[in-house]
Protein backbone atom coordinates (compact mmCIF):
# COMPACT_ATOMS: atom_id res chain seq x y z
CA MET A 1 -16.21 86.01 13.10
CA GLU A 2 -12.78 84.67 13.81
CA ILE A 3 -13.91 83.49 17.24
CA ALA A 4 -16.83 81.60 15.68
CA LEU A 5 -14.49 79.96 13.22
CA ILE A 6 -12.16 78.93 16.02
CA LEU A 7 -15.07 77.47 17.96
CA VAL A 8 -16.18 75.49 14.91
CA VAL A 9 -12.67 74.11 14.46
CA ILE A 10 -12.48 73.17 18.13
CA ALA A 11 -15.90 71.48 17.91
CA VAL A 12 -14.81 69.48 14.88
CA ILE A 13 -11.64 68.40 16.69
CA PHE A 14 -13.66 67.38 19.75
CA ILE A 15 -16.11 65.43 17.63
CA ALA A 16 -13.29 63.73 15.68
CA ARG A 17 -11.53 62.70 18.88
CA SER A 18 -14.68 61.60 20.64
CA ILE A 19 -16.30 59.48 17.88
CA LYS A 20 -14.60 56.33 16.62
CA VAL A 21 -16.00 53.84 14.09
CA VAL A 22 -14.38 50.40 14.42
CA PRO A 23 -14.55 48.15 11.31
CA GLN A 24 -15.90 44.61 11.47
CA GLN A 25 -13.45 41.92 12.65
CA ASN A 26 -11.31 44.55 14.34
CA ALA A 27 -10.70 45.45 17.97
CA TRP A 28 -9.21 48.71 19.23
CA VAL A 29 -7.71 49.04 22.68
CA LYS A 30 -8.65 52.23 24.57
CA GLU A 31 -6.44 53.87 27.15
CA ARG A 32 -7.52 56.57 29.58
CA LEU A 33 -4.68 58.68 30.83
CA GLY A 34 -2.21 55.96 29.89
CA LYS A 35 -4.16 53.12 31.50
CA TYR A 36 -6.12 50.36 29.82
CA ALA A 37 -9.77 51.41 29.77
CA GLY A 38 -11.43 48.80 27.58
CA THR A 39 -11.71 47.46 24.06
CA LEU A 40 -13.76 49.14 21.37
CA SER A 41 -16.03 46.71 19.54
CA PRO A 42 -16.97 47.03 15.84
CA GLY A 43 -19.34 49.92 15.16
CA LEU A 44 -19.76 53.42 16.62
CA ASN A 45 -17.87 54.21 19.82
CA PHE A 46 -17.44 57.40 21.90
CA LEU A 47 -14.30 58.60 23.67
CA VAL A 48 -13.60 61.43 26.08
CA PRO A 49 -11.52 63.92 24.10
CA PHE A 50 -7.95 64.46 25.28
CA VAL A 51 -8.52 61.87 28.02
CA ASP A 52 -9.15 58.68 26.07
CA LYS A 53 -7.15 57.53 23.12
CA VAL A 54 -6.88 54.46 20.87
CA ALA A 55 -3.56 52.90 21.79
CA TYR A 56 -3.61 49.66 19.75
CA LYS A 57 -5.52 48.36 16.75
CA HIS A 58 -5.83 44.63 16.14
CA SER A 59 -7.32 42.58 13.35
CA LEU A 60 -9.31 39.57 14.53
CA LYS A 61 -9.00 37.79 11.18
CA GLU A 62 -6.83 34.73 10.64
CA ILE A 63 -3.33 35.90 9.80
CA PRO A 64 -0.86 33.86 7.70
CA LEU A 65 2.71 34.40 8.82
CA ASP A 66 5.59 33.25 6.64
CA VAL A 67 8.22 31.78 8.95
CA PRO A 68 11.72 32.36 7.51
CA SER A 69 13.51 29.24 6.37
CA GLN A 70 16.18 27.85 8.63
CA VAL A 71 18.66 24.98 8.85
CA CYS A 72 17.66 22.20 11.24
CA ILE A 73 19.75 19.22 12.36
CA THR A 74 18.01 15.85 12.34
CA ARG A 75 18.61 13.04 14.81
CA ASP A 76 21.07 11.37 12.42
CA ASN A 77 23.07 14.63 12.13
CA THR A 78 21.80 15.67 8.72
CA GLN A 79 21.27 19.32 7.83
CA LEU A 80 17.81 20.13 6.56
CA GLN A 81 16.55 23.43 5.18
CA VAL A 82 12.97 23.90 6.41
CA ASP A 83 10.50 26.53 5.29
CA GLY A 84 7.01 26.88 6.77
CA ILE A 85 3.99 29.08 7.23
CA LEU A 86 2.06 29.74 10.44
CA TYR A 87 -1.63 30.66 10.79
CA PHE A 88 -2.74 32.47 13.95
CA GLN A 89 -5.50 34.74 15.20
CA VAL A 90 -5.75 37.44 17.88
CA THR A 91 -8.29 36.28 20.46
CA ASP A 92 -7.56 38.69 23.35
CA PRO A 93 -6.79 42.27 22.21
CA MET A 94 -5.75 43.37 25.71
CA ARG A 95 -3.14 40.58 26.08
CA ALA A 96 -1.99 41.12 22.51
CA SER A 97 -1.38 44.77 23.40
CA TYR A 98 0.33 44.35 26.76
CA GLY A 99 1.46 40.73 26.90
CA SER A 100 4.29 41.21 24.42
CA SER A 101 5.95 44.17 22.81
CA ASN A 102 5.70 42.43 19.41
CA TYR A 103 3.65 39.25 19.40
CA ILE A 104 4.28 38.65 15.70
CA MET A 105 8.03 38.47 16.23
CA ALA A 106 7.52 36.40 19.36
CA VAL A 107 5.36 33.88 17.49
CA THR A 108 7.85 33.72 14.63
CA GLN A 109 10.83 33.08 16.90
CA LEU A 110 8.93 30.49 18.90
CA ALA A 111 7.90 28.70 15.69
CA GLN A 112 11.52 28.49 14.57
CA THR A 113 12.82 27.19 17.90
CA SER A 114 9.97 24.67 18.18
CA LEU A 115 10.65 23.48 14.65
CA ARG A 116 14.33 22.90 15.38
CA SER A 117 13.41 20.99 18.54
CA VAL A 118 10.92 18.72 16.75
CA ILE A 119 13.17 18.06 13.75
CA GLY A 120 16.06 17.20 16.08
CA LYS A 121 14.07 14.28 17.50
CA LEU A 122 13.47 12.67 14.09
CA GLU A 123 15.68 10.95 11.55
CA LEU A 124 15.90 12.29 8.01
CA ASP A 125 13.53 9.74 6.45
CA LYS A 126 10.94 10.31 9.17
CA THR A 127 10.85 14.06 8.52
CA PHE A 128 9.45 13.40 5.06
CA GLU A 129 6.98 10.79 6.26
CA GLU A 130 5.61 12.50 9.38
CA ARG A 131 4.86 16.06 8.32
CA ASP A 132 1.47 16.01 9.97
CA ILE A 133 3.02 14.98 13.28
CA ILE A 134 5.64 17.74 13.00
CA ASN A 135 2.96 20.34 12.25
CA ALA A 136 0.83 19.21 15.20
CA GLN A 137 3.73 19.29 17.66
CA ILE A 138 4.78 22.78 16.57
CA VAL A 139 1.23 24.10 16.93
CA GLN A 140 0.96 22.58 20.41
CA ALA A 141 4.30 24.07 21.53
CA ILE A 142 3.50 27.57 20.22
CA ASP A 143 -0.09 27.61 21.40
CA GLU A 144 0.84 27.02 25.04
CA ALA A 145 3.16 30.03 25.10
CA ALA A 146 0.99 32.25 22.90
CA LEU A 147 -1.88 32.26 25.42
CA ASN A 148 -0.11 35.04 27.35
CA TRP A 149 0.10 37.07 24.17
CA GLY A 150 -3.62 36.87 23.38
CA VAL A 151 -2.91 34.85 20.26
CA LYS A 152 -4.38 31.50 19.17
CA VAL A 153 -2.18 29.43 16.84
CA LEU A 154 -4.46 27.61 14.41
CA ARG A 155 -2.05 25.50 12.33
CA TYR A 156 1.45 25.25 10.96
CA GLU A 157 2.33 23.92 7.54
CA ILE A 158 5.77 22.93 6.25
CA LYS A 159 6.17 24.35 2.78
CA ASP A 160 9.48 22.79 1.87
CA LEU A 161 12.09 20.38 3.20
CA THR A 162 15.41 20.65 1.38
CA PRO A 163 18.30 18.37 2.32
CA PRO A 164 21.86 18.97 1.02
CA LYS A 165 22.70 18.08 -2.59
CA GLU A 166 24.73 15.04 -1.54
CA ILE A 167 21.78 13.68 0.42
CA LEU A 168 19.48 14.36 -2.52
CA HIS A 169 21.74 12.39 -4.87
CA ALA A 170 21.94 9.51 -2.38
CA MET A 171 18.16 9.50 -1.94
CA GLN A 172 17.66 9.54 -5.71
CA ALA A 173 20.07 6.61 -6.09
CA GLN A 174 18.21 4.73 -3.35
CA ILE A 175 14.86 5.38 -5.00
CA THR A 176 16.23 4.24 -8.37
CA ALA A 177 17.63 1.05 -6.84
CA GLU A 178 14.34 0.37 -5.08
CA ARG A 179 12.39 0.83 -8.29
CA GLU A 180 14.76 -1.46 -10.19
CA LYS A 181 14.38 -4.03 -7.42
CA ARG A 182 10.58 -3.83 -7.64
CA ALA A 183 10.81 -4.15 -11.43
CA LEU A 184 12.97 -7.29 -11.15
CA ILE A 185 10.63 -8.78 -8.57
CA ALA A 186 7.62 -8.01 -10.75
CA ALA A 187 9.33 -9.58 -13.79
CA SER A 188 10.26 -12.73 -11.83
CA GLU A 189 6.72 -12.98 -10.46
CA GLY A 190 5.42 -12.66 -14.00
CA ARG A 191 7.69 -15.45 -15.25
CA ARG A 192 6.74 -17.60 -12.27
CA GLN A 193 3.05 -17.05 -12.91
CA GLU A 194 3.57 -17.78 -16.60
CA GLN A 195 5.27 -21.12 -15.80
CA ILE A 196 2.50 -21.96 -13.36
CA ASN A 197 -0.13 -21.18 -15.99
CA ILE A 198 1.67 -23.28 -18.61
CA ALA A 199 2.03 -26.23 -16.22
CA THR A 200 -1.59 -25.91 -15.17
CA GLY A 201 -2.70 -25.80 -18.80
CA GLU A 202 -0.62 -28.86 -19.72
CA ARG A 203 -1.96 -30.76 -16.70
CA GLU A 204 -5.55 -29.90 -17.57
CA ALA A 205 -4.95 -30.81 -21.22
CA PHE A 206 -3.43 -34.18 -20.20
CA ILE A 207 -6.35 -34.84 -17.90
CA ALA A 208 -8.79 -33.94 -20.66
CA ARG A 209 -7.00 -36.23 -23.14
CA SER A 210 -6.89 -39.12 -20.66
CA GLU A 211 -10.56 -38.61 -19.87
CA GLY A 212 -11.32 -38.62 -23.60
CA GLU A 213 -9.29 -41.79 -24.19
CA LYS A 214 -10.95 -43.41 -21.19
CA GLN A 215 -14.41 -42.53 -22.46
CA ALA A 216 -13.49 -43.74 -25.96
CA ALA A 217 -12.28 -47.07 -24.55
CA ILE A 218 -15.45 -47.39 -22.50
CA ASN A 219 -17.58 -46.59 -25.52
CA LYS A 220 -15.63 -49.11 -27.66
CA ALA A 221 -15.95 -51.83 -25.02
CA GLN A 222 -19.63 -51.11 -24.63
CA GLY A 223 -20.06 -51.23 -28.41
CA GLU A 224 -18.21 -54.56 -28.70
CA ALA A 225 -20.18 -55.99 -25.80
CA THR A 226 -23.41 -54.83 -27.40
CA ALA A 227 -22.34 -56.35 -30.74
CA ILE A 228 -21.43 -59.68 -29.11
CA MET A 229 -24.72 -59.75 -27.23
CA THR A 230 -26.62 -58.90 -30.40
CA LEU A 231 -24.76 -61.60 -32.38
CA ALA A 232 -25.27 -64.16 -29.62
CA SER A 233 -28.93 -63.25 -29.40
CA ALA A 234 -29.28 -63.56 -33.18
CA SER A 235 -27.46 -66.94 -33.15
CA ALA A 236 -29.66 -68.18 -30.33
CA GLN A 237 -32.75 -67.09 -32.15
CA ALA A 238 -31.53 -68.78 -35.36
CA ILE A 239 -30.74 -72.02 -33.50
CA GLU A 240 -34.09 -71.85 -31.77
CA ARG A 241 -35.87 -71.35 -35.08
CA VAL A 242 -33.90 -74.23 -36.68
CA ALA A 243 -34.74 -76.48 -33.77
CA THR A 244 -38.37 -75.48 -34.04
CA ALA A 245 -38.34 -76.12 -37.79
CA ILE A 246 -36.78 -79.57 -37.33
CA ARG A 247 -39.53 -80.55 -34.93
CA GLN A 248 -42.12 -79.68 -37.57
CA PRO A 249 -43.35 -82.39 -39.95
CA GLY A 250 -40.80 -82.85 -42.76
CA GLY A 251 -38.11 -81.04 -40.81
CA GLU A 252 -35.72 -83.96 -40.66
CA GLN A 253 -36.08 -84.54 -44.42
CA ALA A 254 -35.25 -80.90 -45.01
CA VAL A 255 -32.16 -81.16 -42.86
CA GLN A 256 -31.03 -84.31 -44.66
CA LEU A 257 -31.60 -82.56 -47.99
CA LYS A 258 -29.56 -79.60 -46.84
CA VAL A 259 -26.79 -81.89 -45.64
CA ALA A 260 -26.86 -83.71 -48.96
CA GLU A 261 -26.52 -80.39 -50.80
CA LYS A 262 -23.56 -79.47 -48.62
CA ALA A 263 -22.07 -82.91 -49.27
CA VAL A 264 -22.32 -82.44 -53.00
CA GLU A 265 -20.71 -79.00 -52.71
CA ALA A 266 -17.94 -80.49 -50.59
CA TYR A 267 -17.34 -83.25 -53.17
CA GLY A 268 -17.10 -80.62 -55.84
CA LYS A 269 -14.51 -78.58 -53.93
CA LEU A 270 -12.46 -81.62 -52.97
CA ALA A 271 -12.45 -82.90 -56.50
CA GLN A 272 -10.69 -79.74 -57.61
CA ASP A 273 -7.88 -80.31 -55.12
CA ALA A 274 -5.40 -82.96 -56.36
CA THR A 275 -3.86 -83.48 -52.96
CA THR A 276 -7.11 -84.67 -51.40
CA THR A 277 -8.03 -88.37 -51.46
CA LEU A 278 -11.77 -89.07 -51.82
CA ILE A 279 -13.40 -92.14 -50.28
CA VAL A 280 -16.62 -92.81 -52.15
CA PRO A 281 -19.16 -95.27 -50.67
CA SER A 282 -19.85 -98.43 -52.70
CA ASN A 283 -23.62 -98.10 -52.53
CA MET A 284 -24.50 -94.48 -53.51
CA SER A 285 -28.20 -95.26 -53.65
CA GLU A 286 -28.52 -95.40 -49.95
CA VAL A 287 -29.37 -91.97 -48.66
CA SER A 288 -28.22 -92.63 -45.14
CA THR A 289 -24.77 -93.74 -46.38
CA LEU A 290 -24.54 -90.69 -48.61
CA ILE A 291 -25.51 -88.38 -45.79
CA ALA A 292 -23.03 -90.04 -43.45
CA SER A 293 -20.31 -89.74 -46.05
CA ALA A 294 -21.29 -86.16 -46.71
CA MET A 295 -21.18 -85.34 -43.03
CA LYS A 296 -17.67 -86.82 -42.82
CA MET A 297 -16.61 -84.81 -45.88
CA VAL A 298 -18.01 -81.65 -44.33
CA GLN A 299 -16.03 -82.36 -41.18
CA VAL A 300 -12.89 -82.91 -43.32
CA GLU A 301 -13.55 -79.59 -45.09
CA ARG A 302 -13.94 -77.81 -41.79
CA LYS A 303 -10.68 -79.27 -40.52
CA SER A 304 -8.87 -78.17 -43.68
């Protein structure tokens, strides 16, 4: 009974050492008598008990690695505290097992040295402006060396850039001065634009007024010209009608009668004026003499 129990225990141990189930996105390195014998893929795998063993276990997932912060010196001799994070992935389990005793530490140290080298080539202001360039250069530098470790560096991101307090105060003062400068420029541009708008408005208003006065003068001149032409046309028509009437039978008698009436009116007006001397014809029965006298009196009246 005891022998059967021992055999069962031995069988369980053999089965446990010979059957290995590898999880998804993992790779286990197998050694046979201390020598690399292959990589176990995800799923069910069989080993030779007491001959084969699983020496290393690697995750094939993307691994974020927090790179410790460090002080870097920029090109203009300014200290800068830099903190970043590195993303990498194991692509060759065999190289990751035998290429380096600790590939995580190796990647971390290489990231720090590469970061110091890249920062040292840039001035302080450029380090804040060219983060993408810094990240790309660090990834390129690490990736070339990490090939021997079976590791693929995917990207590097700078989490924080912290200059000394004195530099921070100077940068803040510079930013404040720059903002005040932009505010003054904006205010002056606003005043300039306001003056331009006022001048433009006054010019347009003056032009509009002058155009209005010009049109009013034109309209007035046209109205006066029209009135003169209408009056002249009416006078011409009246003269033409009078001339036509005179040529009719009895026209001359009507004119003489009208002149006589005017002569009588003129005598009446002159008689009221004591300063006027009247010359009365001796023979008032003669119509022609009366008309001639009346015509002279009318001329005298017109002159006065």
